[in-house]
Amino acid sequence: MPTADDLFRPTDPATGPASDVAPSRSTSRVRAVPDAPEEPSGPPRPSGRVRHDEKMTVYVTSAELLHLEQARLRLRAEHGLAVDRGRLVREALALVLAELEESGEDSALVRRLTEE
């Protein structure tokens, strides 16, 4: 029976002292999107791959969910970016809010919301 130390040891030789651990699977074209370091100037970046303390529920149509899933799969297939739907939505939201901050009344968000 393995001990707790055996179960919770680092699995990547670069991250810990366990040098007898086999390297992780071979690197493939698909990768997680790295988080950009926080920059003091410019628009705020989305939070990326961190534990989130807040939750928001958004209801979408089946067609919108299908488009979101197709975008996620396209990012993976064509660009090698493995992102989940939450990350994709946070990135898109950050882009729209940054454009609103920069362009204000001339932003695409204001135009689309006033068209309704």
PDB file of N, CA and C in Angstrom:
ATOM      1  N   MET A   1       0.849  -1.179   0.000  1.00  0.00           N
ATOM      2  CA  MET A   1       0.000   0.000   0.000  1.00  0.00           C
ATOM      3  C   MET A   1       0.897   1.247   0.000  1.00  0.00           C
ATOM      4  N   PRO A   2       0.677   2.203  -0.922  1.00  0.00           N
ATOM      5  CA  PRO A   2       1.521   3.391  -0.967  1.00  0.00           C
ATOM      6  C   PRO A   2       1.232   4.317   0.212  1.00  0.00           C
ATOM      7  N   THR A   3       2.243   5.069   0.587  1.00  0.00           N
ATOM      8  CA  THR A   3       2.083   6.043   1.668  1.00  0.00           C
ATOM      9  C   THR A   3       1.562   7.349   1.079  1.00  0.00           C
ATOM     10  N   ALA A   4       1.184   8.257   1.949  1.00  0.00           N
ATOM     11  CA  ALA A   4       0.690   9.558   1.504  1.00  0.00           C
ATOM     12  C   ALA A   4       1.766  10.294   0.714  1.00  0.00           C
ATOM     13  N   ASP A   5       3.030  10.176   1.125  1.00  0.00           N
ATOM     14  CA  ASP A   5       4.115  10.830   0.400  1.00  0.00           C
ATOM     15  C   ASP A   5       4.230  10.307  -1.029  1.00  0.00           C
ATOM     16  N   ASP A   6       3.987   9.013  -1.212  1.00  0.00           N
ATOM     17  CA  ASP A   6       4.041   8.449  -2.557  1.00  0.00           C
ATOM     18  C   ASP A   6       2.886   8.952  -3.420  1.00  0.00           C
ATOM     19  N   LEU A   7       1.725   9.118  -2.806  1.00  0.00           N
ATOM     20  CA  LEU A   7       0.557   9.548  -3.559  1.00  0.00           C
ATOM     21  C   LEU A   7       0.604  11.021  -3.938  1.00  0.00           C
ATOM     22  N   PHE A   8       1.214  11.849  -3.102  1.00  0.00           N
ATOM     23  CA  PHE A   8       1.173  13.287  -3.321  1.00  0.00           C
ATOM     24  C   PHE A   8       2.504  13.886  -3.733  1.00  0.00           C
ATOM     25  N   ARG A   9       3.416  13.067  -4.220  1.00  0.00           N
ATOM     26  CA  ARG A   9       4.709  13.589  -4.659  1.00  0.00           C
ATOM     27  C   ARG A   9       4.558  14.243  -6.032  1.00  0.00           C
ATOM     28  N   PRO A  10       5.482  15.141  -6.380  1.00  0.00           N
ATOM     29  CA  PRO A  10       5.420  15.783  -7.701  1.00  0.00           C
ATOM     30  C   PRO A  10       5.557  14.744  -8.814  1.00  0.00           C
ATOM     31  N   THR A  11       4.813  14.934  -9.872  1.00  0.00           N
ATOM     32  CA  THR A  11       4.882  13.993 -10.995  1.00  0.00           C
ATOM     33  C   THR A  11       5.799  14.486 -12.091  1.00  0.00           C
ATOM     34  N   ASP A  12       6.244  15.724 -12.003  1.00  0.00           N
ATOM     35  CA  ASP A  12       7.138  16.285 -13.011  1.00  0.00           C
ATOM     36  C   ASP A  12       8.517  16.462 -12.388  1.00  0.00           C
ATOM     37  N   PRO A  13       9.549  15.850 -12.943  1.00  0.00           N
ATOM     38  CA  PRO A  13      10.873  15.945 -12.341  1.00  0.00           C
ATOM     39  C   PRO A  13      11.371  17.376 -12.212  1.00  0.00           C
ATOM     40  N   ALA A  14      10.916  18.271 -13.054  1.00  0.00           N
ATOM     41  CA  ALA A  14      11.393  19.657 -12.989  1.00  0.00           C
ATOM     42  C   ALA A  14      10.813  20.409 -11.797  1.00  0.00           C
ATOM     43  N   THR A  15       9.718  19.903 -11.205  1.00  0.00           N
ATOM     44  CA  THR A  15       9.069  20.652 -10.136  1.00  0.00           C
ATOM     45  C   THR A  15       9.379  20.139  -8.745  1.00  0.00           C
ATOM     46  N   GLY A  16      10.080  19.054  -8.622  1.00  0.00           N
ATOM     47  CA  GLY A  16      10.326  18.549  -7.279  1.00  0.00           C
ATOM     48  C   GLY A  16      11.473  17.577  -7.227  1.00  0.00           C
ATOM     49  N   PRO A  17      11.735  17.060  -6.030  1.00  0.00           N
ATOM     50  CA  PRO A  17      12.898  16.206  -5.823  1.00  0.00           C
ATOM     51  C   PRO A  17      12.741  14.775  -6.306  1.00  0.00           C
ATOM     52  N   ALA A  18      11.574  14.381  -6.738  1.00  0.00           N
ATOM     53  CA  ALA A  18      11.348  12.997  -7.148  1.00  0.00           C
ATOM     54  C   ALA A  18      11.979  12.760  -8.517  1.00  0.00           C
ATOM     55  N   SER A  19      13.258  12.418  -8.559  1.00  0.00           N
ATOM     56  CA  SER A  19      13.960  12.270  -9.828  1.00  0.00           C
ATOM     57  C   SER A  19      13.693  10.927 -10.494  1.00  0.00           C
ATOM     58  N   ASP A  20      13.113   9.984  -9.748  1.00  0.00           N
ATOM     59  CA  ASP A  20      12.853   8.677 -10.331  1.00  0.00           C
ATOM     60  C   ASP A  20      11.499   8.611 -11.035  1.00  0.00           C
ATOM     61  N   VAL A  21      10.788   9.713 -11.071  1.00  0.00           N
ATOM     62  CA  VAL A  21       9.485   9.751 -11.703  1.00  0.00           C
ATOM     63  C   VAL A  21       9.676   9.937 -13.199  1.00  0.00           C
ATOM     64  N   ALA A  22       8.969   9.160 -13.979  1.00  0.00           N
ATOM     65  CA  ALA A  22       9.066   9.274 -15.433  1.00  0.00           C
ATOM     66  C   ALA A  22       8.498  10.613 -15.880  1.00  0.00           C
ATOM     67  N   PRO A  23       9.083  11.204 -16.912  1.00  0.00           N
ATOM     68  CA  PRO A  23       8.547  12.471 -17.403  1.00  0.00           C
ATOM     69  C   PRO A  23       7.112  12.302 -17.866  1.00  0.00           C
ATOM     70  N   SER A  24       6.374  13.404 -17.857  1.00  0.00           N
ATOM     71  CA  SER A  24       4.986  13.345 -18.288  1.00  0.00           C
ATOM     72  C   SER A  24       4.929  12.991 -19.769  1.00  0.00           C
ATOM     73  N   ARG A  25       3.729  12.770 -20.260  1.00  0.00           N
ATOM     74  CA  ARG A  25       3.548  12.361 -21.652  1.00  0.00           C
ATOM     75  C   ARG A  25       4.276  13.312 -22.586  1.00  0.00           C
ATOM     76  N   SER A  26       4.581  12.800 -23.759  1.00  0.00           N
ATOM     77  CA  SER A  26       5.314  13.627 -24.719  1.00  0.00           C
ATOM     78  C   SER A  26       4.516  14.881 -25.032  1.00  0.00           C
ATOM     79  N   THR A  27       5.240  15.943 -25.265  1.00  0.00           N
ATOM     80  CA  THR A  27       4.568  17.195 -25.552  1.00  0.00           C
ATOM     81  C   THR A  27       3.936  17.111 -26.920  1.00  0.00           C
ATOM     82  N   SER A  28       2.739  17.587 -27.026  1.00  0.00           N
ATOM     83  CA  SER A  28       2.031  17.585 -28.297  1.00  0.00           C
ATOM     84  C   SER A  28       1.767  19.021 -28.710  1.00  0.00           C
ATOM     85  N   ARG A  29       1.152  19.169 -29.822  1.00  0.00           N
ATOM     86  CA  ARG A  29       0.863  20.493 -30.343  1.00  0.00           C
ATOM     87  C   ARG A  29      -0.132  21.231 -29.459  1.00  0.00           C
ATOM     88  N   VAL A  30      -1.000  20.519 -28.779  1.00  0.00           N
ATOM     89  CA  VAL A  30      -2.012  21.138 -27.937  1.00  0.00           C
ATOM     90  C   VAL A  30      -1.377  21.545 -26.615  1.00  0.00           C
ATOM     91  N   ARG A  31      -1.630  22.785 -26.208  1.00  0.00           N
ATOM     92  CA  ARG A  31      -1.078  23.286 -24.963  1.00  0.00           C
ATOM     93  C   ARG A  31      -2.106  24.159 -24.278  1.00  0.00           C
ATOM     94  N   ALA A  32      -1.969  24.291 -22.987  1.00  0.00           N
ATOM     95  CA  ALA A  32      -2.828  25.208 -22.254  1.00  0.00           C
ATOM     96  C   ALA A  32      -2.336  26.623 -22.522  1.00  0.00           C
ATOM     97  N   VAL A  33      -3.230  27.561 -22.478  1.00  0.00           N
ATOM     98  CA  VAL A  33      -2.853  28.943 -22.716  1.00  0.00           C
ATOM     99  C   VAL A  33      -2.143  29.467 -21.475  1.00  0.00           C
ATOM    100  N   PRO A  34      -0.903  29.963 -21.620  1.00  0.00           N
ATOM    101  CA  PRO A  34      -0.199  30.465 -20.448  1.00  0.00           C
ATOM    102  C   PRO A  34      -0.806  31.763 -19.961  1.00  0.00           C
ATOM    103  N   ASP A  35      -0.749  31.957 -18.658  1.00  0.00           N
ATOM    104  CA  ASP A  35      -1.218  33.207 -18.096  1.00  0.00           C
ATOM    105  C   ASP A  35      -0.175  34.287 -18.332  1.00  0.00           C
ATOM    106  N   ALA A  36      -0.632  35.442 -18.730  1.00  0.00           N
ATOM    107  CA  ALA A  36       0.284  36.571 -18.917  1.00  0.00           C
ATOM    108  C   ALA A  36       0.531  37.226 -17.563  1.00  0.00           C
ATOM    109  N   PRO A  37       1.747  37.688 -17.315  1.00  0.00           N
ATOM    110  CA  PRO A  37       1.999  38.378 -16.056  1.00  0.00           C
ATOM    111  C   PRO A  37       1.185  39.651 -15.984  1.00  0.00           C
ATOM    112  N   GLU A  38       0.794  40.012 -14.759  1.00  0.00           N
ATOM    113  CA  GLU A  38       0.021  41.228 -14.559  1.00  0.00           C
ATOM    114  C   GLU A  38       0.861  42.435 -14.929  1.00  0.00           C
ATOM    115  N   GLU A  39       0.329  43.305 -15.754  1.00  0.00           N
ATOM    116  CA  GLU A  39       1.011  44.519 -16.136  1.00  0.00           C
ATOM    117  C   GLU A  39       0.321  45.688 -15.444  1.00  0.00           C
ATOM    118  N   PRO A  40       1.087  46.610 -14.884  1.00  0.00           N
ATOM    119  CA  PRO A  40       0.473  47.703 -14.153  1.00  0.00           C
ATOM    120  C   PRO A  40      -0.325  48.656 -15.031  1.00  0.00           C
ATOM    121  N   SER A  41       0.023  48.795 -16.318  1.00  0.00           N
ATOM    122  CA  SER A  41      -0.697  49.712 -17.186  1.00  0.00           C
ATOM    123  C   SER A  41      -1.542  48.938 -18.178  1.00  0.00           C
ATOM    124  N   GLY A  42      -2.474  49.638 -18.791  1.00  0.00           N
ATOM    125  CA  GLY A  42      -3.317  49.011 -19.788  1.00  0.00           C
ATOM    126  C   GLY A  42      -4.553  48.382 -19.182  1.00  0.00           C
ATOM    127  N   PRO A  43      -5.393  47.818 -20.028  1.00  0.00           N
ATOM    128  CA  PRO A  43      -6.637  47.216 -19.536  1.00  0.00           C
ATOM    129  C   PRO A  43      -6.346  45.960 -18.722  1.00  0.00           C
ATOM    130  N   PRO A  44      -7.212  45.658 -17.766  1.00  0.00           N
ATOM    131  CA  PRO A  44      -6.993  44.452 -16.957  1.00  0.00           C
ATOM    132  C   PRO A  44      -7.125  43.195 -17.801  1.00  0.00           C
ATOM    133  N   ARG A  45      -6.313  42.199 -17.494  1.00  0.00           N
ATOM    134  CA  ARG A  45      -6.342  40.918 -18.187  1.00  0.00           C
ATOM    135  C   ARG A  45      -7.324  39.993 -17.477  1.00  0.00           C
ATOM    136  N   PRO A  46      -7.913  39.035 -18.214  1.00  0.00           N
ATOM    137  CA  PRO A  46      -8.767  38.054 -17.551  1.00  0.00           C
ATOM    138  C   PRO A  46      -7.938  37.201 -16.602  1.00  0.00           C
ATOM    139  N   SER A  47      -8.592  36.592 -15.657  1.00  0.00           N
ATOM    140  CA  SER A  47      -7.900  35.881 -14.585  1.00  0.00           C
ATOM    141  C   SER A  47      -7.211  34.607 -15.036  1.00  0.00           C
ATOM    142  N   GLY A  48      -7.650  33.991 -16.107  1.00  0.00           N
ATOM    143  CA  GLY A  48      -6.957  32.808 -16.600  1.00  0.00           C
ATOM    144  C   GLY A  48      -7.199  31.574 -15.760  1.00  0.00           C
ATOM    145  N   ARG A  49      -6.156  30.740 -15.631  1.00  0.00           N
ATOM    146  CA  ARG A  49      -6.289  29.450 -14.955  1.00  0.00           C
ATOM    147  C   ARG A  49      -5.928  29.574 -13.488  1.00  0.00           C
ATOM    148  N   VAL A  50      -6.845  30.105 -12.722  1.00  0.00           N
ATOM    149  CA  VAL A  50      -6.681  30.225 -11.276  1.00  0.00           C
ATOM    150  C   VAL A  50      -7.981  29.780 -10.628  1.00  0.00           C
ATOM    151  N   ARG A  51      -7.928  29.570  -9.344  1.00  0.00           N
ATOM    152  CA  ARG A  51      -9.150  29.233  -8.616  1.00  0.00           C
ATOM    153  C   ARG A  51      -9.991  30.499  -8.506  1.00  0.00           C
ATOM    154  N   HIS A  52     -11.233  30.420  -8.935  1.00  0.00           N
ATOM    155  CA  HIS A  52     -12.117  31.573  -8.900  1.00  0.00           C
ATOM    156  C   HIS A  52     -13.041  31.492  -7.694  1.00  0.00           C
ATOM    157  N   ASP A  53     -13.153  32.586  -6.997  1.00  0.00           N
ATOM    158  CA  ASP A  53     -13.984  32.627  -5.791  1.00  0.00           C
ATOM    159  C   ASP A  53     -15.430  33.020  -6.078  1.00  0.00           C
ATOM    160  N   GLU A  54     -15.651  33.659  -7.189  1.00  0.00           N
ATOM    161  CA  GLU A  54     -16.993  34.132  -7.533  1.00  0.00           C
ATOM    162  C   GLU A  54     -17.555  33.298  -8.676  1.00  0.00           C
ATOM    163  N   LYS A  55     -18.886  33.203  -8.689  1.00  0.00           N
ATOM    164  CA  LYS A  55     -19.542  32.430  -9.735  1.00  0.00           C
ATOM    165  C   LYS A  55     -20.703  33.235 -10.295  1.00  0.00           C
ATOM    166  N   MET A  56     -20.899  33.095 -11.594  1.00  0.00           N
ATOM    167  CA  MET A  56     -22.001  33.761 -12.259  1.00  0.00           C
ATOM    168  C   MET A  56     -22.628  32.747 -13.211  1.00  0.00           C
ATOM    169  N   THR A  57     -23.923  32.654 -13.196  1.00  0.00           N
ATOM    170  CA  THR A  57     -24.610  31.748 -14.106  1.00  0.00           C
ATOM    171  C   THR A  57     -25.142  32.549 -15.278  1.00  0.00           C
ATOM    172  N   VAL A  58     -24.869  32.083 -16.471  1.00  0.00           N
ATOM    173  CA  VAL A  58     -25.351  32.734 -17.689  1.00  0.00           C
ATOM    174  C   VAL A  58     -26.110  31.694 -18.488  1.00  0.00           C
ATOM    175  N   TYR A  59     -27.313  32.040 -18.882  1.00  0.00           N
ATOM    176  CA  TYR A  59     -28.104  31.137 -19.693  1.00  0.00           C
ATOM    177  C   TYR A  59     -27.915  31.492 -21.161  1.00  0.00           C
ATOM    178  N   VAL A  60     -27.685  30.487 -21.978  1.00  0.00           N
ATOM    179  CA  VAL A  60     -27.496  30.686 -23.414  1.00  0.00           C
ATOM    180  C   VAL A  60     -28.412  29.734 -24.166  1.00  0.00           C
ATOM    181  N   THR A  61     -28.647  30.056 -25.423  1.00  0.00           N
ATOM    182  CA  THR A  61     -29.441  29.153 -26.251  1.00  0.00           C
ATOM    183  C   THR A  61     -28.566  27.972 -26.662  1.00  0.00           C
ATOM    184  N   SER A  62     -29.192  26.948 -27.173  1.00  0.00           N
ATOM    185  CA  SER A  62     -28.420  25.792 -27.630  1.00  0.00           C
ATOM    186  C   SER A  62     -27.523  26.178 -28.802  1.00  0.00           C
ATOM    187  N   ALA A  63     -27.977  27.097 -29.644  1.00  0.00           N
ATOM    188  CA  ALA A  63     -27.157  27.549 -30.774  1.00  0.00           C
ATOM    189  C   ALA A  63     -25.929  28.317 -30.274  1.00  0.00           C
ATOM    190  N   GLU A  64     -26.102  29.169 -29.263  1.00  0.00           N
ATOM    191  CA  GLU A  64     -24.966  29.916 -28.706  1.00  0.00           C
ATOM    192  C   GLU A  64     -23.959  28.980 -28.059  1.00  0.00           C
ATOM    193  N   LEU A  65     -24.461  27.978 -27.354  1.00  0.00           N
ATOM    194  CA  LEU A  65     -23.569  27.000 -26.733  1.00  0.00           C
ATOM    195  C   LEU A  65     -22.817  26.205 -27.792  1.00  0.00           C
ATOM    196  N   LEU A  66     -23.492  25.871 -28.871  1.00  0.00           N
ATOM    197  CA  LEU A  66     -22.848  25.155 -29.967  1.00  0.00           C
ATOM    198  C   LEU A  66     -21.743  26.008 -30.593  1.00  0.00           C
ATOM    199  N   HIS A  67     -21.998  27.302 -30.794  1.00  0.00           N
ATOM    200  CA  HIS A  67     -20.980  28.212 -31.348  1.00  0.00           C
ATOM    201  C   HIS A  67     -19.780  28.325 -30.403  1.00  0.00           C
ATOM    202  N   LEU A  68     -20.059  28.396 -29.130  1.00  0.00           N
ATOM    203  CA  LEU A  68     -18.980  28.483 -28.140  1.00  0.00           C
ATOM    204  C   LEU A  68     -18.123  27.219 -28.162  1.00  0.00           C
ATOM    205  N   GLU A  69     -18.781  26.084 -28.224  1.00  0.00           N
ATOM    206  CA  GLU A  69     -18.056  24.810 -28.256  1.00  0.00           C
ATOM    207  C   GLU A  69     -17.272  24.656 -29.558  1.00  0.00           C
ATOM    208  N   GLN A  70     -17.841  25.109 -30.675  1.00  0.00           N
ATOM    209  CA  GLN A  70     -17.122  25.062 -31.948  1.00  0.00           C
ATOM    210  C   GLN A  70     -15.893  25.964 -31.918  1.00  0.00           C
ATOM    211  N   ALA A  71     -16.007  27.126 -31.285  1.00  0.00           N
ATOM    212  CA  ALA A  71     -14.861  28.034 -31.160  1.00  0.00           C
ATOM    213  C   ALA A  71     -13.776  27.383 -30.308  1.00  0.00           C
ATOM    214  N   ARG A  72     -14.170  26.739 -29.228  1.00  0.00           N
ATOM    215  CA  ARG A  72     -13.212  26.059 -28.353  1.00  0.00           C
ATOM    216  C   ARG A  72     -12.475  24.965 -29.116  1.00  0.00           C
ATOM    217  N   LEU A  73     -13.204  24.175 -29.879  1.00  0.00           N
ATOM    218  CA  LEU A  73     -12.588  23.098 -30.654  1.00  0.00           C
ATOM    219  C   LEU A  73     -11.718  23.639 -31.783  1.00  0.00           C
ATOM    220  N   ARG A  74     -12.134  24.740 -32.375  1.00  0.00           N
ATOM    221  CA  ARG A  74     -11.322  25.360 -33.433  1.00  0.00           C
ATOM    222  C   ARG A  74     -10.008  25.894 -32.865  1.00  0.00           C
ATOM    223  N   LEU A  75     -10.067  26.511 -31.694  1.00  0.00           N
ATOM    224  CA  LEU A  75      -8.838  26.987 -31.051  1.00  0.00           C
ATOM    225  C   LEU A  75      -7.875  25.829 -30.806  1.00  0.00           C
ATOM    226  N   ARG A  76      -8.430  24.690 -30.427  1.00  0.00           N
ATOM    227  CA  ARG A  76      -7.591  23.513 -30.166  1.00  0.00           C
ATOM    228  C   ARG A  76      -7.029  22.933 -31.459  1.00  0.00           C
ATOM    229  N   ALA A  77      -7.883  22.756 -32.453  1.00  0.00           N
ATOM    230  CA  ALA A  77      -7.468  22.102 -33.694  1.00  0.00           C
ATOM    231  C   ALA A  77      -6.545  22.972 -34.540  1.00  0.00           C
ATOM    232  N   GLU A  78      -6.878  24.237 -34.683  1.00  0.00           N
ATOM    233  CA  GLU A  78      -6.134  25.099 -35.596  1.00  0.00           C
ATOM    234  C   GLU A  78      -4.989  25.862 -34.943  1.00  0.00           C
ATOM    235  N   HIS A  79      -5.083  26.090 -33.629  1.00  0.00           N
ATOM    236  CA  HIS A  79      -4.087  26.935 -32.969  1.00  0.00           C
ATOM    237  C   HIS A  79      -3.365  26.231 -31.821  1.00  0.00           C
ATOM    238  N   GLY A  80      -3.777  24.990 -31.514  1.00  0.00           N
ATOM    239  CA  GLY A  80      -3.120  24.246 -30.448  1.00  0.00           C
ATOM    240  C   GLY A  80      -3.377  24.804 -29.065  1.00  0.00           C
ATOM    241  N   LEU A  81      -4.504  25.496 -28.879  1.00  0.00           N
ATOM    242  CA  LEU A  81      -4.825  26.109 -27.597  1.00  0.00           C
ATOM    243  C   LEU A  81      -5.920  25.313 -26.898  1.00  0.00           C
ATOM    244  N   ALA A  82      -5.586  24.683 -25.795  1.00  0.00           N
ATOM    245  CA  ALA A  82      -6.564  23.902 -25.037  1.00  0.00           C
ATOM    246  C   ALA A  82      -7.149  24.786 -23.945  1.00  0.00           C
ATOM    247  N   VAL A  83      -8.334  25.316 -24.203  1.00  0.00           N
ATOM    248  CA  VAL A  83      -8.997  26.174 -23.227  1.00  0.00           C
ATOM    249  C   VAL A  83     -10.380  25.617 -22.939  1.00  0.00           C
ATOM    250  N   ASP A  84     -10.847  25.843 -21.722  1.00  0.00           N
ATOM    251  CA  ASP A  84     -12.206  25.418 -21.403  1.00  0.00           C
ATOM    252  C   ASP A  84     -13.177  26.552 -21.730  1.00  0.00           C
ATOM    253  N   ARG A  85     -14.462  26.258 -21.655  1.00  0.00           N
ATOM    254  CA  ARG A  85     -15.461  27.270 -22.013  1.00  0.00           C
ATOM    255  C   ARG A  85     -15.390  28.481 -21.101  1.00  0.00           C
ATOM    256  N   GLY A  86     -15.127  28.265 -19.818  1.00  0.00           N
ATOM    257  CA  GLY A  86     -15.029  29.390 -18.887  1.00  0.00           C
ATOM    258  C   GLY A  86     -13.901  30.327 -19.263  1.00  0.00           C
ATOM    259  N   ARG A  87     -12.753  29.771 -19.593  1.00  0.00           N
ATOM    260  CA  ARG A  87     -11.613  30.602 -19.983  1.00  0.00           C
ATOM    261  C   ARG A  87     -11.915  31.370 -21.259  1.00  0.00           C
ATOM    262  N   LEU A  88     -12.556  30.700 -22.204  1.00  0.00           N
ATOM    263  CA  LEU A  88     -12.925  31.343 -23.460  1.00  0.00           C
ATOM    264  C   LEU A  88     -13.877  32.511 -23.212  1.00  0.00           C
ATOM    265  N   VAL A  89     -14.859  32.307 -22.363  1.00  0.00           N
ATOM    266  CA  VAL A  89     -15.823  33.367 -22.055  1.00  0.00           C
ATOM    267  C   VAL A  89     -15.134  34.521 -21.324  1.00  0.00           C
ATOM    268  N   ARG A  90     -14.235  34.223 -20.361  1.00  0.00           N
ATOM    269  CA  ARG A  90     -13.529  35.288 -19.648  1.00  0.00           C
ATOM    270  C   ARG A  90     -12.656  36.106 -20.591  1.00  0.00           C
ATOM    271  N   GLU A  91     -11.987  35.450 -21.537  1.00  0.00           N
ATOM    272  CA  GLU A  91     -11.154  36.165 -22.510  1.00  0.00           C
ATOM    273  C   GLU A  91     -12.019  37.058 -23.404  1.00  0.00           C
ATOM    274  N   ALA A  92     -13.132  36.513 -23.898  1.00  0.00           N
ATOM    275  CA  ALA A  92     -14.017  37.297 -24.759  1.00  0.00           C
ATOM    276  C   ALA A  92     -14.600  38.485 -23.996  1.00  0.00           C
ATOM    277  N   LEU A  93     -14.979  38.260 -22.757  1.00  0.00           N
ATOM    278  CA  LEU A  93     -15.512  39.334 -21.927  1.00  0.00           C
ATOM    279  C   LEU A  93     -14.469  40.420 -21.702  1.00  0.00           C
ATOM    280  N   ALA A  94     -13.238  40.028 -21.444  1.00  0.00           N
ATOM    281  CA  ALA A  94     -12.165  41.001 -21.242  1.00  0.00           C
ATOM    282  C   ALA A  94     -11.942  41.838 -22.500  1.00  0.00           C
ATOM    283  N   LEU A  95     -11.997  41.205 -23.665  1.00  0.00           N
ATOM    284  CA  LEU A  95     -11.828  41.945 -24.925  1.00  0.00           C
ATOM    285  C   LEU A  95     -12.946  42.968 -25.131  1.00  0.00           C
ATOM    286  N   VAL A  96     -14.175  42.550 -24.894  1.00  0.00           N
ATOM    287  CA  VAL A  96     -15.322  43.437 -25.093  1.00  0.00           C
ATOM    288  C   VAL A  96     -15.274  44.598 -24.093  1.00  0.00           C
ATOM    289  N   LEU A  97     -14.958  44.305 -22.834  1.00  0.00           N
ATOM    290  CA  LEU A  97     -14.923  45.372 -21.825  1.00  0.00           C
ATOM    291  C   LEU A  97     -13.760  46.331 -22.062  1.00  0.00           C
ATOM    292  N   ALA A  98     -12.636  45.830 -22.542  1.00  0.00           N
ATOM    293  CA  ALA A  98     -11.495  46.707 -22.857  1.00  0.00           C
ATOM    294  C   ALA A  98     -11.854  47.634 -24.013  1.00  0.00           C
ATOM    295  N   GLU A  99     -12.554  47.092 -25.010  1.00  0.00           N
ATOM    296  CA  GLU A  99     -12.957  47.916 -26.141  1.00  0.00           C
ATOM    297  C   GLU A  99     -13.992  48.952 -25.715  1.00  0.00           C
ATOM    298  N   LEU A 100     -14.881  48.585 -24.798  1.00  0.00           N
ATOM    299  CA  LEU A 100     -15.856  49.537 -24.261  1.00  0.00           C
ATOM    300  C   LEU A 100     -15.141  50.659 -23.520  1.00  0.00           C
ATOM    301  N   GLU A 101     -14.149  50.317 -22.718  1.00  0.00           N
ATOM    302  CA  GLU A 101     -13.378  51.313 -21.979  1.00  0.00           C
ATOM    303  C   GLU A 101     -12.645  52.260 -22.927  1.00  0.00           C
ATOM    304  N   GLU A 102     -12.109  51.707 -24.002  1.00  0.00           N
ATOM    305  CA  GLU A 102     -11.325  52.502 -24.951  1.00  0.00           C
ATOM    306  C   GLU A 102     -12.200  53.337 -25.878  1.00  0.00           C
ATOM    307  N   SER A 103     -13.270  52.741 -26.382  1.00  0.00           N
ATOM    308  CA  SER A 103     -14.070  53.404 -27.417  1.00  0.00           C
ATOM    309  C   SER A 103     -15.362  54.011 -26.899  1.00  0.00           C
ATOM    310  N   GLY A 104     -15.809  53.602 -25.728  1.00  0.00           N
ATOM    311  CA  GLY A 104     -17.030  54.161 -25.151  1.00  0.00           C
ATOM    312  C   GLY A 104     -18.224  53.988 -26.050  1.00  0.00           C
ATOM    313  N   GLU A 105     -18.811  55.122 -26.405  1.00  0.00           N
ATOM    314  CA  GLU A 105     -20.031  55.130 -27.208  1.00  0.00           C
ATOM    315  C   GLU A 105     -19.846  54.502 -28.582  1.00  0.00           C
ATOM    316  N   ASP A 106     -18.637  54.513 -29.093  1.00  0.00           N
ATOM    317  CA  ASP A 106     -18.364  53.940 -30.411  1.00  0.00           C
ATOM    318  C   ASP A 106     -18.012  52.458 -30.361  1.00  0.00           C
ATOM    319  N   SER A 107     -18.086  51.848 -29.195  1.00  0.00           N
ATOM    320  CA  SER A 107     -17.711  50.435 -29.060  1.00  0.00           C
ATOM    321  C   SER A 107     -18.754  49.542 -29.717  1.00  0.00           C
ATOM    322  N   ALA A 108     -18.312  48.360 -30.114  1.00  0.00           N
ATOM    323  CA  ALA A 108     -19.211  47.375 -30.724  1.00  0.00           C
ATOM    324  C   ALA A 108     -20.303  46.959 -29.745  1.00  0.00           C
ATOM    325  N   LEU A 109     -19.977  46.897 -28.456  1.00  0.00           N
ATOM    326  CA  LEU A 109     -20.964  46.502 -27.453  1.00  0.00           C
ATOM    327  C   LEU A 109     -22.107  47.506 -27.395  1.00  0.00           C
ATOM    328  N   VAL A 110     -21.788  48.796 -27.340  1.00  0.00           N
ATOM    329  CA  VAL A 110     -22.831  49.826 -27.298  1.00  0.00           C
ATOM    330  C   VAL A 110     -23.656  49.783 -28.574  1.00  0.00           C
ATOM    331  N   ARG A 111     -22.990  49.644 -29.727  1.00  0.00           N
ATOM    332  CA  ARG A 111     -23.733  49.575 -30.995  1.00  0.00           C
ATOM    333  C   ARG A 111     -24.698  48.406 -31.008  1.00  0.00           C
ATOM    334  N   ARG A 112     -24.213  47.227 -30.588  1.00  0.00           N
ATOM    335  CA  ARG A 112     -25.075  46.028 -30.626  1.00  0.00           C
ATOM    336  C   ARG A 112     -26.224  46.126 -29.638  1.00  0.00           C
ATOM    337  N   LEU A 113     -25.958  46.690 -28.456  1.00  0.00           N
ATOM    338  CA  LEU A 113     -27.022  46.798 -27.449  1.00  0.00           C
ATOM    339  C   LEU A 113     -28.060  47.846 -27.823  1.00  0.00           C
ATOM    340  N   THR A 114     -27.659  48.859 -28.561  1.00  0.00           N
ATOM    341  CA  THR A 114     -28.632  49.887 -28.959  1.00  0.00           C
ATOM    342  C   THR A 114     -29.426  49.461 -30.199  1.00  0.00           C
ATOM    343  N   GLU A 115     -28.959  48.437 -30.902  1.00  0.00           N
ATOM    344  CA  GLU A 115     -29.695  47.907 -32.065  1.00  0.00           C
ATOM    345  C   GLU A 115     -30.911  47.108 -31.663  1.00  0.00           C
ATOM    346  N   GLU A 116     -30.949  46.604 -30.455  1.00  0.00           N
ATOM    347  CA  GLU A 116     -32.048  45.720 -30.032  1.00  0.00           C
ATOM    348  C   GLU A 116     -33.385  46.399 -30.021  1.00  0.00           C
TER     349      GLU A 116
END
